[in-house]
């Protein structure tokens, strides 16, 4: 019985892998576009955060001088 569960898990894994591969191949361009958008947005957020911290530090230094 345990051997049957092992084979069942193997077959389910193979089917899921095949389905994921087919999905990726059919939607590859859209996925790449979304990936680029997310990456660009995250870069903008990090840049804005760093620039905001720079401004805060400069204001603090000006206030001390």
PDB file of N, CA and C in Angstrom:
ATOM      1  N   UNK A   1       0.820  -1.202   0.000  1.00  0.00           N
ATOM      2  CA  UNK A   1       0.000   0.000   0.000  1.00  0.00           C
ATOM      3  C   UNK A   1       0.859   1.259   0.000  1.00  0.00           C
ATOM      4  N   UNK A   2       1.954   1.250   0.770  1.00  0.00           N
ATOM      5  CA  UNK A   2       2.843   2.406   0.828  1.00  0.00           C
ATOM      6  C   UNK A   2       3.485   2.656  -0.533  1.00  0.00           C
ATOM      7  N   UNK A   3       3.822   1.572  -1.227  1.00  0.00           N
ATOM      8  CA  UNK A   3       4.421   1.693  -2.546  1.00  0.00           C
ATOM      9  C   UNK A   3       3.470   2.376  -3.519  1.00  0.00           C
ATOM     10  N   UNK A   4       2.175   2.087  -3.408  1.00  0.00           N
ATOM     11  CA  UNK A   4       1.169   2.695  -4.270  1.00  0.00           C
ATOM     12  C   UNK A   4       1.083   4.198  -4.017  1.00  0.00           C
ATOM     13  N   UNK A   5       1.187   4.614  -2.758  1.00  0.00           N
ATOM     14  CA  UNK A   5       1.160   6.043  -2.430  1.00  0.00           C
ATOM     15  C   UNK A   5       2.362   6.754  -3.025  1.00  0.00           C
ATOM     16  N   UNK A   6       3.497   6.096  -2.997  1.00  0.00           N
ATOM     17  CA  UNK A   6       4.704   6.679  -3.582  1.00  0.00           C
ATOM     18  C   UNK A   6       4.550   6.917  -5.074  1.00  0.00           C
ATOM     19  N   UNK A   7       4.009   5.907  -5.773  1.00  0.00           N
ATOM     20  CA  UNK A   7       3.784   6.059  -7.203  1.00  0.00           C
ATOM     21  C   UNK A   7       2.746   7.129  -7.497  1.00  0.00           C
ATOM     22  N   UNK A   8       1.714   7.188  -6.661  1.00  0.00           N
ATOM     23  CA  UNK A   8       0.679   8.207  -6.851  1.00  0.00           C
ATOM     24  C   UNK A   8       1.270   9.601  -6.691  1.00  0.00           C
ATOM     25  N   UNK A   9       2.099   9.781  -5.674  1.00  0.00           N
ATOM     26  CA  UNK A   9       2.736  11.077  -5.454  1.00  0.00           C
ATOM     27  C   UNK A   9       3.645  11.435  -6.621  1.00  0.00           C
ATOM     28  N   UNK A  10       4.357  10.447  -7.145  1.00  0.00           N
ATOM     29  CA  UNK A  10       5.234  10.683  -8.285  1.00  0.00           C
ATOM     30  C   UNK A  10       4.437  11.121  -9.505  1.00  0.00           C
ATOM     31  N   UNK A  11       3.324  10.447  -9.771  1.00  0.00           N
ATOM     32  CA  UNK A  11       2.494  10.799 -10.920  1.00  0.00           C
ATOM     33  C   UNK A  11       1.864  12.179 -10.764  1.00  0.00           C
ATOM     34  N   UNK A  12       1.395  12.489  -9.563  1.00  0.00           N
ATOM     35  CA  UNK A  12       0.806  13.813  -9.326  1.00  0.00           C
ATOM     36  C   UNK A  12       1.874  14.882  -9.522  1.00  0.00           C
ATOM     37  N   UNK A  13       3.074  14.653  -9.014  1.00  0.00           N
ATOM     38  CA  UNK A  13       4.165  15.601  -9.191  1.00  0.00           C
ATOM     39  C   UNK A  13       4.521  15.803 -10.655  1.00  0.00           C
ATOM     40  N   UNK A  14       4.532  14.719 -11.410  1.00  0.00           N
ATOM     41  CA  UNK A  14       4.832  14.805 -12.842  1.00  0.00           C
ATOM     42  C   UNK A  14       3.753  15.591 -13.578  1.00  0.00           C
ATOM     43  N   UNK A  15       2.496  15.367 -13.212  1.00  0.00           N
ATOM     44  CA  UNK A  15       1.391  16.091 -13.858  1.00  0.00           C
ATOM     45  C   UNK A  15       1.453  17.583 -13.523  1.00  0.00           C
ATOM     46  N   UNK A  16       1.740  17.904 -12.263  1.00  0.00           N
ATOM     47  CA  UNK A  16       1.852  19.308 -11.871  1.00  0.00           C
ATOM     48  C   UNK A  16       3.028  19.978 -12.580  1.00  0.00           C
ATOM     49  N   UNK A  17       4.131  19.280 -12.690  1.00  0.00           N
ATOM     50  CA  UNK A  17       5.289  19.820 -13.395  1.00  0.00           C
ATOM     51  C   UNK A  17       4.994  20.067 -14.865  1.00  0.00           C
ATOM     52  N   UNK A  18       4.317  19.127 -15.491  1.00  0.00           N
ATOM     53  CA  UNK A  18       3.954  19.290 -16.902  1.00  0.00           C
ATOM     54  C   UNK A  18       2.987  20.449 -17.079  1.00  0.00           C
ATOM     55  N   UNK A  19       2.009  20.573 -16.179  1.00  0.00           N
ATOM     56  CA  UNK A  19       1.040  21.670 -16.272  1.00  0.00           C
ATOM     57  C   UNK A  19       1.737  23.012 -16.079  1.00  0.00           C
ATOM     58  N   UNK A  20       2.649  23.096 -15.128  1.00  0.00           N
ATOM     59  CA  UNK A  20       3.378  24.350 -14.892  1.00  0.00           C
ATOM     60  C   UNK A  20       4.230  24.712 -16.100  1.00  0.00           C
ATOM     61  N   UNK A  21       4.853  23.728 -16.715  1.00  0.00           N
ATOM     62  CA  UNK A  21       5.679  23.981 -17.899  1.00  0.00           C
ATOM     63  C   UNK A  21       4.838  24.486 -19.052  1.00  0.00           C
ATOM     64  N   UNK A  22       3.698  23.862 -19.279  1.00  0.00           N
ATOM     65  CA  UNK A  22       2.805  24.290 -20.364  1.00  0.00           C
ATOM     66  C   UNK A  22       2.295  25.700 -20.103  1.00  0.00           C
ATOM     67  N   UNK A  23       1.905  25.980 -18.867  1.00  0.00           N
ATOM     68  CA  UNK A  23       1.420  27.321 -18.519  1.00  0.00           C
ATOM     69  C   UNK A  23       2.509  28.357 -18.773  1.00  0.00           C
ATOM     70  N   UNK A  24       3.727  28.080 -18.325  1.00  0.00           N
ATOM     71  CA  UNK A  24       4.839  29.017 -18.512  1.00  0.00           C
ATOM     72  C   UNK A  24       5.101  29.250 -19.998  1.00  0.00           C
ATOM     73  N   UNK A  25       5.110  28.177 -20.781  1.00  0.00           N
ATOM     74  CA  UNK A  25       5.408  28.326 -22.213  1.00  0.00           C
ATOM     75  C   UNK A  25       4.329  29.135 -22.927  1.00  0.00           C
ATOM     76  N   UNK A  26       3.085  28.998 -22.496  1.00  0.00           N
ATOM     77  CA  UNK A  26       1.996  29.741 -23.132  1.00  0.00           C
ATOM     78  C   UNK A  26       1.938  31.194 -22.672  1.00  0.00           C
ATOM     79  N   UNK A  27       2.475  31.498 -21.498  1.00  0.00           N
ATOM     80  CA  UNK A  27       2.378  32.840 -20.940  1.00  0.00           C
ATOM     81  C   UNK A  27       3.737  33.463 -20.681  1.00  0.00           C
ATOM     82  N   UNK A  28       4.749  32.997 -21.360  1.00  0.00           N
ATOM     83  CA  UNK A  28       6.120  33.431 -21.084  1.00  0.00           C
ATOM     84  C   UNK A  28       6.294  34.938 -21.257  1.00  0.00           C
ATOM     85  N   UNK A  29       5.792  35.495 -22.348  1.00  0.00           N
ATOM     86  CA  UNK A  29       5.989  36.919 -22.606  1.00  0.00           C
ATOM     87  C   UNK A  29       5.281  37.774 -21.554  1.00  0.00           C
ATOM     88  N   UNK A  30       4.070  37.404 -21.206  1.00  0.00           N
ATOM     89  CA  UNK A  30       3.342  38.154 -20.180  1.00  0.00           C
ATOM     90  C   UNK A  30       4.020  38.081 -18.829  1.00  0.00           C
ATOM     91  N   UNK A  31       4.573  36.937 -18.505  1.00  0.00           N
ATOM     92  CA  UNK A  31       5.266  36.774 -17.228  1.00  0.00           C
ATOM     93  C   UNK A  31       6.542  37.607 -17.202  1.00  0.00           C
ATOM     94  N   UNK A  32       7.243  37.667 -18.312  1.00  0.00           N
ATOM     95  CA  UNK A  32       8.458  38.484 -18.377  1.00  0.00           C
ATOM     96  C   UNK A  32       8.118  39.958 -18.217  1.00  0.00           C
ATOM     97  N   UNK A  33       7.026  40.387 -18.843  1.00  0.00           N
ATOM     98  CA  UNK A  33       6.606  41.783 -18.744  1.00  0.00           C
ATOM     99  C   UNK A  33       6.262  42.135 -17.303  1.00  0.00           C
ATOM    100  N   UNK A  34       5.505  41.278 -16.642  1.00  0.00           N
ATOM    101  CA  UNK A  34       5.147  41.528 -15.248  1.00  0.00           C
ATOM    102  C   UNK A  34       6.378  41.530 -14.357  1.00  0.00           C
ATOM    103  N   UNK A  35       7.315  40.643 -14.619  1.00  0.00           N
ATOM    104  CA  UNK A  35       8.549  40.583 -13.838  1.00  0.00           C
ATOM    105  C   UNK A  35       9.311  41.898 -13.968  1.00  0.00           C
ATOM    106  N   UNK A  36       9.407  42.407 -15.196  1.00  0.00           N
ATOM    107  CA  UNK A  36      10.116  43.676 -15.409  1.00  0.00           C
ATOM    108  C   UNK A  36       9.420  44.818 -14.680  1.00  0.00           C
ATOM    109  N   UNK A  37       8.098  44.832 -14.715  1.00  0.00           N
ATOM    110  CA  UNK A  37       7.351  45.892 -14.025  1.00  0.00           C
ATOM    111  C   UNK A  37       7.575  45.848 -12.521  1.00  0.00           C
ATOM    112  N   UNK A  38       7.509  44.666 -11.951  1.00  0.00           N
ATOM    113  CA  UNK A  38       7.712  44.528 -10.504  1.00  0.00           C
ATOM    114  C   UNK A  38       9.127  44.956 -10.135  1.00  0.00           C
ATOM    115  N   UNK A  39      10.075  44.548 -10.941  1.00  0.00           N
ATOM    116  CA  UNK A  39      11.471  44.900 -10.669  1.00  0.00           C
ATOM    117  C   UNK A  39      11.696  46.405 -10.747  1.00  0.00           C
ATOM    118  N   UNK A  40      11.131  47.050 -11.760  1.00  0.00           N
ATOM    119  CA  UNK A  40      11.280  48.502 -11.906  1.00  0.00           C
ATOM    120  C   UNK A  40      10.602  49.228 -10.748  1.00  0.00           C
ATOM    121  N   UNK A  41       9.431  48.746 -10.360  1.00  0.00           N
ATOM    122  CA  UNK A  41       8.713  49.385  -9.259  1.00  0.00           C
ATOM    123  C   UNK A  41       9.480  49.243  -7.948  1.00  0.00           C
ATOM    124  N   UNK A  42      10.053  48.083  -7.703  1.00  0.00           N
ATOM    125  CA  UNK A  42      10.810  47.887  -6.469  1.00  0.00           C
ATOM    126  C   UNK A  42      12.064  48.757  -6.465  1.00  0.00           C
ATOM    127  N   UNK A  43      12.688  48.943  -7.599  1.00  0.00           N
ATOM    128  CA  UNK A  43      13.852  49.829  -7.675  1.00  0.00           C
ATOM    129  C   UNK A  43      13.465  51.269  -7.363  1.00  0.00           C
ATOM    130  N   UNK A  44      12.304  51.705  -7.913  1.00  0.00           N
ATOM    131  CA  UNK A  44      11.838  53.066  -7.632  1.00  0.00           C
ATOM    132  C   UNK A  44      11.568  53.257  -6.144  1.00  0.00           C
ATOM    133  N   UNK A  45      10.955  52.261  -5.520  1.00  0.00           N
ATOM    134  CA  UNK A  45      10.652  52.354  -4.092  1.00  0.00           C
ATOM    135  C   UNK A  45      11.938  52.463  -3.281  1.00  0.00           C
ATOM    136  N   UNK A  46      12.921  51.643  -3.601  1.00  0.00           N
ATOM    137  CA  UNK A  46      14.200  51.693  -2.875  1.00  0.00           C
ATOM    138  C   UNK A  46      14.875  53.036  -3.100  1.00  0.00           C
ATOM    139  N   UNK A  47      14.884  53.522  -4.338  1.00  0.00           N
ATOM    140  CA  UNK A  47      15.495  54.819  -4.628  1.00  0.00           C
ATOM    141  C   UNK A  47      14.794  55.940  -3.862  1.00  0.00           C
ATOM    142  N   UNK A  48      13.465  55.913  -3.849  1.00  0.00           N
ATOM    143  CA  UNK A  48      12.709  56.930  -3.110  1.00  0.00           C
ATOM    144  C   UNK A  48      13.013  56.868  -1.622  1.00  0.00           C
ATOM    145  N   UNK A  49      13.126  55.681  -1.086  1.00  0.00           N
ATOM    146  CA  UNK A  49      13.435  55.513   0.334  1.00  0.00           C
ATOM    147  C   UNK A  49      14.812  56.075   0.657  1.00  0.00           C
ATOM    148  N   UNK A  50      15.785  55.752  -0.173  1.00  0.00           N
ATOM    149  CA  UNK A  50      17.151  56.243   0.057  1.00  0.00           C
ATOM    150  C   UNK A  50      17.202  57.757  -0.088  1.00  0.00           C
ATOM    151  N   UNK A  51      16.548  58.301  -1.119  1.00  0.00           N
ATOM    152  CA  UNK A  51      16.552  59.755  -1.308  1.00  0.00           C
ATOM    153  C   UNK A  51      15.857  60.452  -0.146  1.00  0.00           C
ATOM    154  N   UNK A  52      14.782  59.869   0.352  1.00  0.00           N
ATOM    155  CA  UNK A  52      14.071  60.454   1.487  1.00  0.00           C
ATOM    156  C   UNK A  52      14.934  60.460   2.731  1.00  0.00           C
ATOM    157  N   UNK A  53      15.689  59.406   2.943  1.00  0.00           N
ATOM    158  CA  UNK A  53      16.580  59.348   4.102  1.00  0.00           C
ATOM    159  C   UNK A  53      17.706  60.370   3.962  1.00  0.00           C
ATOM    160  N   UNK A  54      18.216  60.547   2.751  1.00  0.00           N
ATOM    161  CA  UNK A  54      19.255  61.548   2.516  1.00  0.00           C
ATOM    162  C   UNK A  54      18.743  62.939   2.853  1.00  0.00           C
ATOM    163  N   UNK A  55      17.525  63.231   2.428  1.00  0.00           N
ATOM    164  CA  UNK A  55      16.940  64.540   2.718  1.00  0.00           C
ATOM    165  C   UNK A  55      16.756  64.734   4.220  1.00  0.00           C
ATOM    166  N   UNK A  56      16.295  63.703   4.899  1.00  0.00           N
ATOM    167  CA  UNK A  56      16.114  63.795   6.355  1.00  0.00           C
ATOM    168  C   UNK A  56      17.442  64.041   7.059  1.00  0.00           C
ATOM    169  N   UNK A  57      18.476  63.344   6.629  1.00  0.00           N
ATOM    170  CA  UNK A  57      19.798  63.509   7.240  1.00  0.00           C
ATOM    171  C   UNK A  57      20.313  64.923   6.986  1.00  0.00           C
ATOM    172  N   UNK A  58      20.155  65.418   5.768  1.00  0.00           N
ATOM    173  CA  UNK A  58      20.615  66.776   5.445  1.00  0.00           C
ATOM    174  C   UNK A  58      19.873  67.818   6.275  1.00  0.00           C
ATOM    175  N   UNK A  59      18.581  67.634   6.464  1.00  0.00           N
ATOM    176  CA  UNK A  59      17.800  68.563   7.291  1.00  0.00           C
ATOM    177  C   UNK A  59      18.274  68.533   8.740  1.00  0.00           C
ATOM    178  N   UNK A  60      18.553  67.355   9.249  1.00  0.00           N
ATOM    179  CA  UNK A  60      19.032  67.235  10.626  1.00  0.00           C
ATOM    180  C   UNK A  60      20.397  67.925  10.787  1.00  0.00           C
ATOM    181  N   UNK A  61      21.278  67.738   9.799  1.00  0.00           N
ATOM    182  CA  UNK A  61      22.602  68.350   9.865  1.00  0.00           C
ATOM    183  C   UNK A  61      22.506  69.870   9.762  1.00  0.00           C
ATOM    184  N   UNK A  62      21.617  70.370   8.912  1.00  0.00           N
ATOM    185  CA  UNK A  62      21.431  71.820   8.791  1.00  0.00           C
ATOM    186  C   UNK A  62      20.883  72.406  10.085  1.00  0.00           C
ATOM    187  N   UNK A  63      20.054  71.666  10.759  1.00  0.00           N
ATOM    188  CA  UNK A  63      19.461  72.141  12.017  1.00  0.00           C
ATOM    189  C   UNK A  63      20.483  72.199  13.133  1.00  0.00           C
ATOM    190  N   UNK A  64      21.516  71.379  13.072  1.00  0.00           N
ATOM    191  CA  UNK A  64      22.535  71.368  14.111  1.00  0.00           C
ATOM    192  C   UNK A  64      23.561  72.474  13.920  1.00  0.00           C
ATOM    193  N   UNK A  65      23.739  72.907  12.682  1.00  0.00           N
ATOM    194  CA  UNK A  65      24.810  73.849  12.381  1.00  0.00           C
ATOM    195  C   UNK A  65      24.483  75.248  12.580  1.00  0.00           C
TER     196      UNK A  65
END
